[in-house]
């Protein structure tokens, strides 16, 4: 058994950089997802089981769904603690939790991401039992305040919302559109725009990967009138397959102090 000395959790002390925020000086959703991606890698790498080691063993994690609840988005220059832990697995999915905490230890963002383990050669799903050999501890009772990502049915009333072509700068080391970029695409296509509004909760389903040069046909809409109802954005690949779906709950932006 090739057990790795991976700690139950990992905490990363960070400061929100200007390039990670938007015009409102709040942390962008895409920056949040990039930080989560990095802290998960730091956690596993600290125990010797980072991306390169997994790849050497013919395995890789891919995101399938993510969900976040935002109590207050961190702002530019703010010192934040980002904590993560591997929670458990259900069927072919692994669940990892994240918490962004302020200087007093109060929760800012709670997030849960579902991953699938795949073979790097054929991209076939691997069962979680394959991963048990590495000794990663499961903590099924340790949950944050964000529910798990859930499936949904898109309303039939979504309207065309333009096209988004995948560019070289969107592509990550795996050769596909980086998962964090989907959050930017959703915000750009959001009905009513982002000006004067903030995201309270959002979920993204990563259905099929997109590659450089492909144009995503976007559709968007609101479940019903008013901020309390879900806002939807979906993108389809040129061959008609669904690429991603996003669900966002909005509110008028709170006034920033200082």
Protein backbone atom coordinates (compact mmCIF):
# COMPACT_ATOMS: atom_id res chain seq x y z
CA UNK A 1 0.00 0.00 0.00
CA UNK A 2 1.49 3.33 -1.11
CA UNK A 3 0.10 5.59 1.63
CA UNK A 4 1.05 9.27 1.51
CA UNK A 5 1.35 11.51 4.60
CA UNK A 6 -1.49 13.85 3.63
CA UNK A 7 -2.82 16.06 6.45
CA UNK A 8 -6.58 16.11 7.18
CA UNK A 9 -6.76 19.70 5.90
CA UNK A 10 -4.62 22.50 4.54
CA UNK A 11 -4.74 26.25 5.26
CA UNK A 12 -3.24 28.83 2.93
CA UNK A 13 -2.66 32.39 4.13
CA UNK A 14 -3.26 34.74 1.20
CA UNK A 15 -3.88 38.39 0.41
CA UNK A 16 -6.33 39.29 -2.35
CA UNK A 17 -4.39 40.87 -5.22
CA UNK A 18 -5.72 43.68 -7.39
CA UNK A 19 -5.63 41.46 -10.50
CA UNK A 20 -7.92 38.94 -8.76
CA UNK A 21 -10.73 41.47 -8.34
CA UNK A 22 -13.23 43.18 -10.61
CA UNK A 23 -14.28 46.83 -10.98
CA UNK A 24 -16.04 46.61 -7.59
CA UNK A 25 -12.75 45.48 -5.95
CA UNK A 26 -14.37 42.20 -4.92
CA UNK A 27 -12.81 38.81 -5.63
CA UNK A 28 -13.95 37.58 -9.04
CA UNK A 29 -15.67 34.21 -9.20
CA UNK A 30 -12.99 33.01 -11.60
CA UNK A 31 -10.25 34.09 -9.19
CA UNK A 32 -11.99 32.23 -6.39
CA UNK A 33 -12.00 29.05 -8.47
CA UNK A 34 -8.33 29.49 -9.39
CA UNK A 35 -7.41 29.87 -5.72
CA UNK A 36 -9.40 26.75 -4.88
CA UNK A 37 -7.67 24.85 -7.65
CA UNK A 38 -4.29 25.91 -6.30
CA UNK A 39 -4.98 25.21 -2.61
CA UNK A 40 -6.20 21.70 -3.46
CA UNK A 41 -2.94 21.07 -5.32
CA UNK A 42 -0.93 22.51 -2.41
CA UNK A 43 -2.75 20.18 0.00
CA UNK A 44 -1.99 17.02 -1.96
CA UNK A 45 1.52 18.15 -2.95
CA UNK A 46 2.43 18.71 0.71
CA UNK A 47 1.91 14.98 1.18
CA UNK A 48 3.73 14.02 -2.03
CA UNK A 49 0.61 13.32 -4.10
CA UNK A 50 0.38 16.39 -6.34
CA UNK A 51 -0.56 16.59 -10.01
CA UNK A 52 2.76 15.28 -11.32
CA UNK A 53 2.78 12.25 -9.01
CA UNK A 54 -0.80 11.36 -9.89
CA UNK A 55 -0.02 11.78 -13.58
CA UNK A 56 2.99 9.49 -13.21
CA UNK A 57 0.58 6.88 -11.88
CA UNK A 58 -1.72 7.38 -14.87
CA UNK A 59 -4.45 9.31 -13.05
CA UNK A 60 -5.85 12.83 -12.99
CA UNK A 61 -8.71 14.62 -11.27
CA UNK A 62 -11.25 16.50 -13.40
CA UNK A 63 -13.93 18.83 -12.07
CA UNK A 64 -17.52 17.85 -12.75
CA UNK A 65 -19.49 20.32 -10.62
CA UNK A 66 -18.84 23.14 -8.18
CA UNK A 67 -21.07 25.16 -5.86
CA UNK A 68 -20.35 28.19 -3.66
CA UNK A 69 -22.20 30.32 -1.14
CA UNK A 70 -20.80 33.81 -0.72
CA UNK A 71 -21.55 35.54 2.58
CA UNK A 72 -19.19 38.38 1.72
CA UNK A 73 -16.74 38.42 -1.16
CA UNK A 74 -13.16 39.20 -0.06
CA UNK A 75 -11.95 42.57 -1.28
CA UNK A 76 -8.71 43.83 -2.78
CA UNK A 77 -5.87 43.84 -0.25
CA UNK A 78 -7.74 41.76 2.34
CA UNK A 79 -5.84 39.06 4.23
CA UNK A 80 -7.72 35.78 3.97
CA UNK A 81 -7.24 32.19 5.11
CA UNK A 82 -8.27 29.59 2.56
CA UNK A 83 -8.86 26.17 4.10
CA UNK A 84 -9.55 22.93 2.23
CA UNK A 85 -10.07 19.25 2.97
CA UNK A 86 -10.97 16.07 1.15
CA UNK A 87 -14.38 15.10 2.50
CA UNK A 88 -15.51 11.80 0.99
CA UNK A 89 -16.62 10.01 -2.16
CA UNK A 90 -19.98 8.86 -3.52
CA UNK A 91 -20.13 6.61 -6.55
CA UNK A 92 -17.46 7.86 -8.97
CA UNK A 93 -17.30 11.35 -7.40
CA UNK A 94 -14.85 12.81 -4.88
CA UNK A 95 -15.93 15.80 -2.80
CA UNK A 96 -13.58 18.53 -1.62
CA UNK A 97 -14.62 21.42 0.65
CA UNK A 98 -13.22 24.95 0.79
CA UNK A 99 -13.65 27.85 3.21
CA UNK A 100 -12.48 31.44 2.81
CA UNK A 101 -12.13 33.00 6.28
CA UNK A 102 -11.48 36.61 7.28
CA UNK A 103 -8.92 37.75 9.85
CA UNK A 104 -11.33 37.01 12.70
CA UNK A 105 -12.06 33.50 11.45
CA UNK A 106 -15.51 34.38 10.10
CA UNK A 107 -16.66 32.56 6.99
CA UNK A 108 -16.63 34.56 3.76
CA UNK A 109 -17.16 31.84 1.16
CA UNK A 110 -18.09 28.17 1.54
CA UNK A 111 -17.64 25.91 -1.44
CA UNK A 112 -17.90 22.24 -2.44
CA UNK A 113 -16.46 20.77 -5.62
CA UNK A 114 -17.10 17.34 -7.10
CA UNK A 115 -14.26 15.63 -8.97
CA UNK A 116 -13.96 12.50 -11.06
CA UNK A 117 -10.77 10.44 -11.24
CA UNK A 118 -9.87 9.48 -14.81
CA UNK A 119 -7.11 7.62 -16.59
CA UNK A 120 -4.78 10.05 -18.36
CA UNK A 121 -4.49 7.89 -21.48
CA UNK A 122 -8.14 7.11 -22.17
CA UNK A 123 -10.05 9.54 -19.89
CA UNK A 124 -12.13 6.65 -18.59
CA UNK A 125 -13.63 7.00 -15.14
CA UNK A 126 -11.77 5.26 -12.33
CA UNK A 127 -13.59 4.10 -9.22
CA UNK A 128 -12.68 5.78 -5.91
CA UNK A 129 -11.44 2.40 -4.68
CA UNK A 130 -8.44 2.88 -7.00
CA UNK A 131 -7.51 5.91 -4.90
CA UNK A 132 -7.80 4.14 -1.55
CA UNK A 133 -4.26 2.77 -1.89
CA UNK A 134 -2.89 6.27 -1.23
CA UNK A 135 -4.38 6.49 2.26
CA UNK A 136 -6.23 9.80 1.84
CA UNK A 137 -8.46 10.20 4.88
CA UNK A 138 -12.21 10.61 4.39
CA UNK A 139 -14.11 12.96 6.71
CA UNK A 140 -17.79 12.54 5.77
CA UNK A 141 -19.08 14.38 8.85
CA UNK A 142 -16.91 17.44 8.24
CA UNK A 143 -19.04 19.77 6.17
CA UNK A 144 -19.17 23.49 5.57
CA UNK A 145 -22.27 25.62 5.08
CA UNK A 146 -22.52 25.03 1.34
CA UNK A 147 -24.64 22.10 0.12
CA UNK A 148 -23.22 19.70 -2.45
CA UNK A 149 -23.53 20.61 -6.13
CA UNK A 150 -26.87 19.35 -7.41
CA UNK A 151 -28.29 18.50 -10.80
CA UNK A 152 -31.01 20.70 -12.31
CA UNK A 153 -33.18 21.07 -15.39
CA UNK A 154 -32.63 24.20 -17.42
CA UNK A 155 -35.79 26.17 -18.17
CA UNK A 156 -37.03 26.11 -21.76
CA UNK A 157 -37.13 29.92 -21.88
CA UNK A 158 -33.41 30.66 -22.26
CA UNK A 159 -32.56 33.11 -25.04
CA UNK A 160 -29.49 33.30 -27.29
CA UNK A 161 -26.72 35.28 -25.55
CA UNK A 162 -24.03 35.45 -28.20
CA UNK A 163 -20.96 33.37 -28.89
CA UNK A 164 -17.74 32.87 -26.94
CA UNK A 165 -14.75 31.59 -28.88
CA UNK A 166 -12.12 29.73 -26.86
CA UNK A 167 -8.76 31.48 -27.17
CA UNK A 168 -5.19 30.40 -26.46
CA UNK A 169 -5.18 32.42 -23.21
CA UNK A 170 -8.17 30.40 -21.95
CA UNK A 171 -6.38 27.05 -22.21
CA UNK A 172 -4.68 25.35 -19.26
CA UNK A 173 -1.92 22.74 -19.01
CA UNK A 174 -4.40 20.01 -19.94
CA UNK A 175 -5.14 21.65 -23.30
CA UNK A 176 -8.73 22.56 -22.46
CA UNK A 177 -10.67 25.65 -21.43
CA UNK A 178 -9.72 26.19 -17.79
CA UNK A 179 -12.57 25.54 -15.37
CA UNK A 180 -12.25 28.97 -13.76
CA UNK A 181 -12.87 30.72 -17.09
CA UNK A 182 -16.42 29.35 -17.21
CA UNK A 183 -17.27 31.65 -14.30
CA UNK A 184 -16.11 34.67 -16.34
CA UNK A 185 -18.14 33.50 -19.33
CA UNK A 186 -21.24 33.14 -17.14
CA UNK A 187 -20.80 36.60 -15.61
CA UNK A 188 -20.29 38.19 -19.04
CA UNK A 189 -23.46 36.57 -20.42
CA UNK A 190 -25.58 37.13 -17.30
CA UNK A 191 -29.01 38.67 -18.02
CA UNK A 192 -28.93 42.25 -16.75
CA UNK A 193 -25.14 42.29 -16.44
CA UNK A 194 -23.02 42.46 -13.29
CA UNK A 195 -22.99 46.22 -12.70
CA UNK A 196 -24.44 47.10 -9.29
CA UNK A 197 -25.03 43.45 -8.40
CA UNK A 198 -23.29 40.72 -6.46
CA UNK A 199 -23.46 36.92 -6.54
CA UNK A 200 -24.83 35.25 -3.40
CA UNK A 201 -24.57 31.67 -4.62
CA UNK A 202 -23.57 29.94 -7.83
CA UNK A 203 -23.09 26.49 -9.30
CA UNK A 204 -21.36 25.36 -12.48
CA UNK A 205 -21.69 21.98 -14.18
CA UNK A 206 -18.73 21.06 -16.41
CA UNK A 207 -20.27 18.71 -18.97
CA UNK A 208 -17.87 18.45 -21.94
CA UNK A 209 -14.44 20.00 -22.41
CA UNK A 210 -13.81 22.82 -24.88
CA UNK A 211 -10.58 23.35 -26.82
CA UNK A 212 -8.89 26.28 -28.52
CA UNK A 213 -10.76 27.65 -31.52
CA UNK A 214 -14.15 26.21 -30.62
CA UNK A 215 -17.02 28.68 -30.42
CA UNK A 216 -19.51 28.19 -27.60
CA UNK A 217 -23.11 29.12 -28.43
CA UNK A 218 -24.46 30.78 -25.27
CA UNK A 219 -28.00 30.97 -23.95
CA UNK A 220 -29.15 32.78 -20.82
CA UNK A 221 -32.26 33.65 -18.85
CA UNK A 222 -33.88 34.17 -15.46
CA UNK A 223 -36.08 31.58 -13.76
CA UNK A 224 -38.65 34.27 -12.90
CA UNK A 225 -38.67 38.02 -12.40
CA UNK A 226 -36.58 39.33 -9.52
CA UNK A 227 -33.13 38.81 -8.04
CA UNK A 228 -34.26 35.98 -5.74
CA UNK A 229 -34.77 33.63 -8.69
CA UNK A 230 -31.97 31.71 -10.39
CA UNK A 231 -30.16 33.22 -13.36
CA UNK A 232 -29.00 30.71 -15.95
CA UNK A 233 -26.22 30.57 -18.52
CA UNK A 234 -25.47 27.56 -20.74
CA UNK A 235 -22.94 26.98 -23.50
CA UNK A 236 -23.00 24.44 -26.33
CA UNK A 237 -20.11 23.14 -28.43
CA UNK A 238 -20.15 23.45 -32.24
CA UNK A 239 -21.34 19.83 -32.55
CA UNK A 240 -24.36 20.59 -30.35
CA UNK A 241 -23.11 18.91 -27.20
CA UNK A 242 -23.58 20.78 -23.95
CA UNK A 243 -20.29 22.23 -22.68
CA UNK A 244 -21.36 23.82 -19.39
CA UNK A 245 -24.30 25.11 -17.38
CA UNK A 246 -24.25 27.77 -14.67
CA UNK A 247 -26.84 28.80 -12.09
CA UNK A 248 -26.40 32.08 -10.19
CA UNK A 249 -28.40 33.81 -7.46
CA UNK A 250 -27.98 37.58 -7.40
CA UNK A 251 -28.60 40.56 -5.11
CA UNK A 252 -28.02 44.32 -5.31
CA UNK A 253 -24.39 45.02 -4.45
CA UNK A 254 -23.69 46.05 -0.87
CA UNK A 255 -21.94 49.39 -0.43
CA UNK A 256 -18.22 49.00 0.19
CA UNK A 257 -16.83 50.96 3.13
CA UNK A 258 -13.55 52.84 2.98
